[in-house]
Amino acid sequence: MRRAGLVATLVLAAACLSARSQSWLGAPEVVAPGVELFRTADAALVNNDGPIAVYLLRLDLDRVRIESALSNDEVMDAERVDGIARRHQAIAAINAGFFNVRNGEPVSLLKVAGELVSDNTLPRAVVAIEAKPGERQRLHFDQAAAKIEIQLLAGSDPIAIPVDGVDTTRERGKLMLYTPRYHADTDTAANGTEWILSGSPLTVQEVRLNTGKSVIPRDGLVLSYGGVDPPTPLLRLSPGVVVTVATTWKITNGTPQAVFDEAHDIINGAGLLRRGGATLSNWQTVEALQPATFIDVRHPRTLLGVDGRGAVWLVAVDGRQADHSVGMNFAELLGLCTRLDLRDALNLDGGGSTTMVVKGAIVNKPSDAAGPRPVSDAILVKSR
């Protein structure tokens, strides 16, 4: 009984300490079971150098789940976060990974509903979401890259052919792989070679020369080479040839490869701030982020983190608005992580993309003069 009493006292003390440490947030708005919204304008977060506006969602993964979602449910083009949230009937949402603003295509690692739709050669900060049926989700933070290759047998000799890009605009002399998540077709010009693959095992069904916009089979994919004279290994891709697709991972901080292979979603960012309670600072050497333009400069920011009690935090920091909010640099983001007791934290796409949606409405003030920016993908909050 004495031991039970001591445990209860320690638990109560920890809860009181946590409550005191987050008293600066004030009382939350209960959005839904397991979803609380906080707002703060505490100028101490930016050393009293200007106004600041921060919006924070605290999520209980025993009651809600998070998932990645593409704009318009495909890779091509972009869509506002509130539109993505509305289509998926999400409780809340924030913008997620980095993308090409000209065409909406992701520019780093992205996996949606178990399917890799964007690869990368340079490691970037990511979170892999493990979602086993009936279990609470687990989030794994690391810095990672992934490349795809296709493998086929020619006689008795295996051939491996590297793929230059997944679900992205084709370049001349490059081999691209298009999945059903990309679009109804490849959206390519009629100056290439395309191989239609489908079935189980994955088998070449047709080779198309000097044509574009090949329809992507729902149970397959399309390989597309920019040019009509593909290199010799690709000439082995004739109808009836069986092809396998393999992913090679480059993982910086030791997360097992199986986690990435089996993850339901993988979301990219730029700047892994904390991992397992340790603060990182290798953003320039590993992720090639520049201090003068990105790390040490205040911008609007979007953040995903997990605190010491297992709660997930989604954070939007407004910026580039001198009369409203100046934004944060990485040092200030780390200060926010400390206040929230975040053991893991990932800086997501920010700038004009920073958008938080709660119950269908945008609650922050995006910085673009034209209004909320269409994005490539979002993180959705849904009830379990």
Protein backbone atom coordinates (compact mmCIF):
# COMPACT_ATOMS: atom_id res chain seq x y z
CA MET A 1 0.00 0.00 0.00
CA ARG A 2 2.86 2.36 0.84
CA ARG A 3 4.43 1.61 -2.55
CA ALA A 4 1.12 2.26 -4.33
CA GLY A 5 0.74 5.50 -2.44
CA LEU A 6 4.24 6.60 -3.43
CA VAL A 7 3.58 5.83 -7.10
CA ALA A 8 0.31 7.78 -6.99
CA THR A 9 2.10 10.73 -5.39
CA LEU A 10 4.82 10.70 -8.04
CA VAL A 11 2.26 10.52 -10.87
CA LEU A 12 0.30 13.41 -9.37
CA ALA A 13 3.49 15.44 -8.92
CA ALA A 14 4.50 14.82 -12.53
CA ALA A 15 1.06 15.85 -13.75
CA CYS A 16 1.19 19.04 -11.66
CA LEU A 17 4.69 19.83 -12.96
CA SER A 18 3.53 19.31 -16.54
CA ALA A 19 0.51 21.53 -15.95
CA ARG A 20 2.68 24.29 -14.47
CA SER A 21 5.25 24.02 -17.28
CA GLN A 22 2.48 24.51 -19.88
CA SER A 23 0.48 27.14 -17.98
CA TRP A 24 1.74 29.75 -20.48
CA LEU A 25 -0.55 28.14 -23.04
CA GLY A 26 -3.70 28.91 -21.10
CA ALA A 27 -6.87 26.85 -21.23
CA PRO A 28 -7.40 24.84 -24.41
CA GLU A 29 -10.42 24.76 -26.67
CA VAL A 30 -11.70 21.18 -26.79
CA VAL A 31 -12.20 20.57 -30.51
CA ALA A 32 -13.17 16.89 -30.31
CA PRO A 33 -12.38 13.93 -28.05
CA GLY A 34 -8.59 13.74 -28.02
CA VAL A 35 -8.08 17.08 -29.80
CA GLU A 36 -7.28 20.34 -27.97
CA LEU A 37 -6.45 23.70 -29.56
CA PHE A 38 -4.18 26.23 -27.86
CA ARG A 39 -3.20 29.72 -28.99
CA THR A 40 -0.40 31.86 -27.62
CA ALA A 41 1.06 35.30 -28.30
CA ASP A 42 3.83 35.02 -25.71
CA ALA A 43 6.51 37.39 -27.08
CA ALA A 44 9.13 35.69 -24.88
CA LEU A 45 9.11 32.90 -27.49
CA VAL A 46 10.98 35.30 -29.81
CA ASN A 47 13.02 37.16 -27.18
CA ASN A 48 10.43 39.96 -27.13
CA ASP A 49 11.61 41.04 -30.60
CA GLY A 50 8.13 41.40 -31.96
CA PRO A 51 4.63 40.01 -31.91
CA ILE A 52 4.21 36.26 -32.29
CA ALA A 53 1.16 34.11 -33.01
CA VAL A 54 1.35 30.37 -32.43
CA TYR A 55 -1.44 27.80 -32.83
CA LEU A 56 -1.06 24.36 -31.27
CA LEU A 57 -3.07 21.16 -31.47
CA ARG A 58 -2.48 18.53 -28.79
CA LEU A 59 -3.60 15.06 -29.90
CA ASP A 60 -4.29 11.93 -27.88
CA LEU A 61 -3.48 8.98 -30.14
CA ASP A 62 -5.68 6.73 -28.04
CA ARG A 63 -8.62 8.71 -29.42
CA VAL A 64 -7.47 10.04 -32.79
CA ARG A 65 -5.09 9.10 -35.58
CA ILE A 66 -3.09 11.11 -38.10
CA GLU A 67 -2.44 10.35 -41.75
CA SER A 68 -0.98 11.89 -44.87
CA ALA A 69 -3.23 13.01 -47.70
CA LEU A 70 -2.46 14.26 -51.21
CA SER A 71 -3.99 17.31 -52.82
CA ASN A 72 -6.93 16.27 -54.97
CA ASP A 73 -6.01 12.68 -53.98
CA GLU A 74 -3.18 12.66 -56.53
CA VAL A 75 0.38 13.93 -56.89
CA MET A 76 -0.26 16.37 -59.73
CA ASP A 77 -1.25 19.93 -58.90
CA ALA A 78 -1.92 21.45 -55.47
CA GLU A 79 -4.85 22.24 -53.19
CA ARG A 80 -5.46 24.35 -50.09
CA VAL A 81 -5.27 22.57 -46.74
CA ASP A 82 -8.89 23.39 -45.90
CA GLY A 83 -9.98 21.77 -49.16
CA ILE A 84 -8.01 18.60 -48.41
CA ALA A 85 -9.43 18.48 -44.87
CA ARG A 86 -12.98 19.00 -46.10
CA ARG A 87 -12.82 16.22 -48.69
CA HIS A 88 -11.53 13.78 -46.09
CA GLN A 89 -13.90 14.99 -43.35
CA ALA A 90 -10.94 15.54 -41.03
CA ILE A 91 -11.28 17.04 -37.57
CA ALA A 92 -8.17 19.16 -38.18
CA ALA A 93 -5.23 19.42 -40.58
CA ILE A 94 -1.95 21.18 -41.23
CA ASN A 95 0.26 21.48 -44.29
CA ALA A 96 3.01 18.88 -44.46
CA GLY A 97 5.90 18.25 -46.87
CA PHE A 98 7.94 20.42 -49.22
CA PHE A 99 6.86 20.66 -52.85
CA ASN A 100 7.43 22.37 -56.18
CA VAL A 101 5.14 25.42 -56.16
CA ARG A 102 4.97 25.40 -59.98
CA ASN A 103 3.28 22.02 -60.32
CA GLY A 104 2.48 20.78 -56.80
CA GLU A 105 4.81 17.78 -56.95
CA PRO A 106 6.53 16.72 -53.70
CA VAL A 107 10.29 17.34 -53.74
CA SER A 108 11.30 14.92 -51.01
CA LEU A 109 10.35 11.61 -49.44
CA LEU A 110 6.60 10.98 -49.27
CA LYS A 111 4.61 7.82 -48.64
CA VAL A 112 0.82 7.85 -48.60
CA ALA A 113 -1.35 4.93 -47.50
CA GLY A 114 1.57 2.53 -47.85
CA GLU A 115 2.68 3.69 -51.31
CA LEU A 116 5.89 5.62 -51.99
CA VAL A 117 4.99 8.54 -54.25
CA SER A 118 8.17 10.61 -54.00
CA ASP A 119 11.82 9.65 -53.52
CA ASN A 120 14.97 11.66 -52.78
CA THR A 121 18.75 11.24 -52.92
CA LEU A 122 19.62 13.68 -50.12
CA PRO A 123 18.60 12.70 -46.56
CA ARG A 124 15.94 14.96 -45.11
CA ALA A 125 14.04 15.01 -41.85
CA VAL A 126 11.10 12.61 -41.94
CA VAL A 127 8.52 10.97 -39.71
CA ALA A 128 7.37 7.43 -40.47
CA ILE A 129 3.92 6.60 -39.13
CA GLU A 130 3.41 3.02 -38.01
CA ALA A 131 -0.27 2.14 -38.09
CA LYS A 132 -1.06 -1.46 -37.19
CA PRO A 133 -4.76 -2.40 -37.12
CA GLY A 134 -6.34 -1.85 -33.72
CA GLU A 135 -3.16 -0.41 -32.19
CA ARG A 136 -2.14 3.09 -31.19
CA GLN A 137 -0.01 4.71 -33.89
CA ARG A 138 3.74 5.04 -33.38
CA LEU A 139 5.82 7.83 -34.89
CA HIS A 140 9.47 7.30 -35.86
CA PHE A 141 11.63 10.38 -36.51
CA ASP A 142 14.85 10.29 -38.53
CA GLN A 143 16.71 11.72 -41.51
CA ALA A 144 16.35 9.52 -44.55
CA ALA A 145 16.52 9.18 -48.32
CA ALA A 146 15.11 6.54 -50.65
CA LYS A 147 15.79 5.47 -54.21
CA ILE A 148 13.93 3.01 -56.42
CA GLU A 149 15.27 0.45 -58.87
CA ILE A 150 13.55 -2.06 -61.07
CA GLN A 151 14.83 -5.61 -61.23
CA LEU A 152 14.25 -8.19 -63.96
CA LEU A 153 15.65 -11.51 -65.08
CA ALA A 154 17.19 -11.74 -68.53
CA GLY A 155 17.85 -15.43 -69.00
CA SER A 156 19.49 -16.45 -65.74
CA ASP A 157 21.16 -13.09 -65.07
CA PRO A 158 19.38 -10.51 -62.90
CA ILE A 159 19.43 -6.91 -64.13
CA ALA A 160 18.94 -3.90 -61.85
CA ILE A 161 18.01 -0.59 -63.46
CA PRO A 162 17.97 2.58 -61.33
CA VAL A 163 14.93 4.84 -61.50
CA ASP A 164 15.67 8.58 -61.62
CA GLY A 165 12.42 9.76 -60.07
CA VAL A 166 9.02 8.63 -58.76
CA ASP A 167 5.81 10.44 -59.72
CA THR A 168 7.59 13.52 -61.02
CA THR A 169 7.96 15.39 -64.30
CA ARG A 170 9.97 13.39 -66.82
CA GLU A 171 13.34 14.71 -68.02
CA ARG A 172 15.15 13.83 -71.20
CA GLY A 173 17.51 10.89 -70.74
CA LYS A 174 15.92 9.95 -67.39
CA LEU A 175 13.77 7.00 -66.35
CA MET A 176 10.70 7.83 -64.29
CA LEU A 177 8.23 5.60 -62.50
CA TYR A 178 4.58 6.61 -62.30
CA THR A 179 2.18 5.07 -59.78
CA PRO A 180 -1.63 5.26 -59.78
CA ARG A 181 -1.31 8.01 -57.15
CA TYR A 182 0.25 10.35 -59.72
CA HIS A 183 -2.70 11.01 -62.03
CA ALA A 184 -4.94 9.11 -64.42
CA ASP A 185 -2.08 9.19 -66.94
CA THR A 186 1.64 10.07 -67.05
CA ASP A 187 1.03 13.57 -68.44
CA THR A 188 4.15 13.19 -70.60
CA ALA A 189 5.00 14.59 -74.04
CA ALA A 190 5.03 12.37 -77.12
CA ASN A 191 8.82 12.13 -77.35
CA GLY A 192 9.61 9.22 -75.08
CA THR A 193 9.25 5.52 -74.46
CA GLU A 194 6.78 4.12 -71.95
CA TRP A 195 6.27 0.62 -70.58
CA ILE A 196 2.88 -0.35 -69.15
CA LEU A 197 3.15 -2.83 -66.26
CA SER A 198 0.34 -4.49 -64.36
CA GLY A 199 -0.74 -7.69 -62.68
CA SER A 200 0.75 -9.91 -60.01
CA PRO A 201 3.58 -10.55 -60.50
CA LEU A 202 4.15 -7.18 -62.14
CA THR A 203 4.52 -7.84 -65.86
CA VAL A 204 5.26 -5.68 -68.90
CA GLN A 205 2.03 -5.53 -70.91
CA GLU A 206 2.87 -3.00 -73.64
CA VAL A 207 5.69 -0.83 -74.93
CA ARG A 208 4.67 2.57 -76.33
CA LEU A 209 7.07 4.57 -78.57
CA ASN A 210 6.76 8.26 -79.45
CA THR A 211 3.63 8.59 -77.37
CA GLY A 212 2.82 10.25 -74.09
CA LYS A 213 0.06 10.42 -71.52
CA SER A 214 -0.07 6.67 -71.02
CA VAL A 215 -2.93 5.55 -68.80
CA ILE A 216 -1.57 4.26 -65.46
CA PRO A 217 -3.15 0.90 -64.56
CA ARG A 218 -4.85 0.82 -61.19
CA ASP A 219 -3.02 -2.45 -60.45
CA GLY A 220 0.31 -1.45 -61.90
CA LEU A 221 2.57 1.39 -62.96
CA VAL A 222 4.23 3.00 -65.95
CA LEU A 223 7.95 3.34 -66.61
CA SER A 224 8.73 6.34 -68.79
CA TYR A 225 12.05 7.22 -70.44
CA GLY A 226 12.70 10.69 -71.85
CA GLY A 227 13.68 9.77 -75.42
CA VAL A 228 13.01 7.16 -78.09
CA ASP A 229 16.45 5.51 -77.91
CA PRO A 230 16.57 4.08 -74.38
CA PRO A 231 19.82 2.59 -73.07
CA THR A 232 20.44 -1.12 -73.65
CA PRO A 233 19.21 -2.43 -70.26
CA LEU A 234 15.78 -0.90 -70.89
CA LEU A 235 15.50 -2.74 -74.21
CA ARG A 236 15.10 -5.91 -72.14
CA LEU A 237 11.68 -4.63 -71.03
CA SER A 238 9.58 -6.44 -73.59
CA PRO A 239 6.00 -7.69 -73.16
CA GLY A 240 5.80 -10.64 -70.80
CA VAL A 241 8.91 -9.73 -68.77
CA VAL A 242 8.33 -9.87 -65.00
CA VAL A 243 9.58 -6.86 -63.05
CA THR A 244 10.04 -6.24 -59.35
CA VAL A 245 10.40 -2.83 -57.71
CA ALA A 246 12.92 -2.45 -54.87
CA THR A 247 13.52 0.47 -52.51
CA THR A 248 16.96 1.28 -51.11
CA TRP A 249 16.92 3.39 -47.94
CA LYS A 250 19.63 5.64 -46.57
CA ILE A 251 18.83 6.21 -42.88
CA THR A 252 21.01 8.54 -40.81
CA ASN A 253 20.09 7.85 -37.19
CA GLY A 254 19.53 4.11 -37.02
CA THR A 255 15.79 3.59 -37.45
CA PRO A 256 15.39 0.01 -38.78
CA GLN A 257 14.72 -0.19 -42.50
CA ALA A 258 11.67 -2.36 -41.81
CA VAL A 259 9.99 0.64 -40.16
CA PHE A 260 10.18 2.57 -43.43
CA ASP A 261 9.21 -0.44 -45.54
CA GLU A 262 6.11 -1.06 -43.43
CA ALA A 263 5.13 2.53 -42.57
CA HIS A 264 1.62 3.57 -43.54
CA ASP A 265 2.80 7.13 -44.19
CA ILE A 266 6.16 8.90 -44.40
CA ILE A 267 6.13 12.70 -44.28
CA ASN A 268 9.13 14.88 -45.12
CA GLY A 269 10.36 18.08 -43.56
CA ALA A 270 13.55 20.11 -43.40
CA GLY A 271 15.25 20.06 -40.02
CA LEU A 272 14.97 17.21 -37.54
CA LEU A 273 15.03 19.27 -34.34
CA ARG A 274 14.83 16.55 -31.71
CA ARG A 275 15.01 12.77 -31.68
CA GLY A 276 14.59 10.60 -28.59
CA GLY A 277 15.05 13.61 -26.32
CA ALA A 278 18.32 14.71 -27.95
CA THR A 279 18.65 18.04 -29.73
CA LEU A 280 20.13 17.80 -33.23
CA SER A 281 22.28 20.39 -35.00
CA ASN A 282 23.46 18.54 -38.14
CA TRP A 283 20.97 20.27 -40.41
CA GLN A 284 23.66 21.82 -42.63
CA THR A 285 25.90 18.78 -43.01
CA VAL A 286 23.20 16.12 -43.38
CA GLU A 287 20.24 17.99 -44.85
CA ALA A 288 22.13 20.81 -46.62
CA LEU A 289 20.02 23.50 -44.95
CA GLN A 290 21.56 26.97 -45.03
CA PRO A 291 21.86 29.10 -41.87
CA ALA A 292 21.72 32.46 -43.66
CA THR A 293 18.43 31.77 -45.43
CA PHE A 294 16.69 29.03 -43.50
CA ILE A 295 18.05 27.99 -40.09
CA ASP A 296 18.86 31.37 -38.54
CA VAL A 297 16.11 33.40 -40.19
CA ARG A 298 12.58 33.85 -38.86
CA HIS A 299 9.91 32.37 -41.10
CA PRO A 300 6.39 31.06 -40.69
CA ARG A 301 6.86 27.49 -39.45
CA THR A 302 4.91 24.25 -39.22
CA LEU A 303 6.00 21.68 -36.64
CA LEU A 304 5.15 18.09 -35.70
CA GLY A 305 6.31 16.66 -32.39
CA VAL A 306 5.70 14.11 -29.65
CA ASP A 307 6.03 15.07 -25.99
CA GLY A 308 7.29 13.10 -23.02
CA ARG A 309 3.81 11.79 -22.22
CA GLY A 310 3.14 10.53 -25.75
CA ALA A 311 0.88 13.35 -26.94
CA VAL A 312 1.33 14.50 -30.54
CA TRP A 313 1.58 18.25 -31.19
CA LEU A 314 0.83 19.98 -34.49
CA VAL A 315 2.02 23.59 -34.46
CA ALA A 316 1.59 26.53 -36.85
CA VAL A 317 3.71 29.65 -36.28
CA ASP A 318 2.65 32.71 -38.25
CA GLY A 319 5.39 34.96 -39.65
CA ARG A 320 6.47 37.62 -42.16
CA GLN A 321 3.80 39.95 -40.75
CA ALA A 322 5.38 42.68 -38.63
CA ASP A 323 2.09 43.80 -37.11
CA HIS A 324 0.92 40.26 -36.33
CA SER A 325 3.74 37.72 -36.04
CA VAL A 326 7.45 37.72 -36.91
CA GLY A 327 7.90 33.95 -37.18
CA MET A 328 10.65 31.81 -35.66
CA ASN A 329 14.16 30.61 -36.42
CA PHE A 330 15.42 27.17 -35.41
CA ALA A 331 16.77 28.34 -32.06
CA GLU A 332 13.34 29.70 -31.18
CA LEU A 333 11.64 26.55 -32.44
CA LEU A 334 13.89 24.55 -30.11
CA GLY A 335 12.84 26.83 -27.27
CA LEU A 336 9.24 26.04 -28.09
CA CYS A 337 10.11 22.33 -28.12
CA THR A 338 11.55 22.69 -24.62
CA ARG A 339 8.43 24.43 -23.35
CA LEU A 340 6.26 21.65 -24.76
CA ASP A 341 8.62 18.90 -23.51
CA LEU A 342 8.90 17.52 -27.05
CA ARG A 343 11.11 14.43 -27.21
CA ASP A 344 10.84 14.28 -30.99
CA ALA A 345 10.23 17.24 -33.30
CA LEU A 346 10.27 17.82 -37.04
CA ASN A 347 10.18 21.13 -38.91
CA LEU A 348 7.74 20.72 -41.80
CA ASP A 349 7.22 22.99 -44.81
CA GLY A 350 6.63 26.56 -43.67
CA GLY A 351 6.64 30.00 -45.24
CA GLY A 352 3.48 30.77 -47.17
CA SER A 353 2.43 27.13 -46.86
CA THR A 354 1.91 27.27 -43.07
CA THR A 355 -1.79 26.58 -42.57
CA MET A 356 -3.77 25.06 -39.71
CA VAL A 357 -7.38 23.99 -40.22
CA VAL A 358 -9.74 23.14 -37.36
CA LYS A 359 -13.33 22.03 -38.00
CA GLY A 360 -13.10 23.19 -41.60
CA ALA A 361 -11.83 26.71 -40.84
CA ILE A 362 -8.32 28.13 -41.15
CA VAL A 363 -7.39 29.32 -37.64
CA ASN A 364 -4.00 30.93 -38.32
CA LYS A 365 -3.10 33.81 -40.66
CA PRO A 366 -1.08 32.53 -43.65
CA SER A 367 1.53 35.00 -44.87
CA ASP A 368 0.96 35.03 -48.64
CA ALA A 369 -0.78 38.18 -49.83
CA ALA A 370 -2.92 36.08 -52.16
CA GLY A 371 -4.26 34.05 -49.23
CA PRO A 372 -3.73 30.44 -48.14
CA ARG A 373 -1.29 28.68 -50.46
CA PRO A 374 -2.28 25.46 -52.24
CA VAL A 375 0.04 22.63 -51.14
CA SER A 376 0.94 19.13 -52.26
CA ASP A 377 0.00 17.21 -49.11
CA ALA A 378 -1.36 17.63 -45.61
CA ILE A 379 -1.47 15.86 -42.26
CA LEU A 380 -5.03 15.01 -41.29
CA VAL A 381 -6.46 14.36 -37.84
CA LYS A 382 -9.27 11.82 -37.73
CA SER A 383 -11.17 10.00 -35.02
CA ARG A 384 -10.12 6.42 -34.24
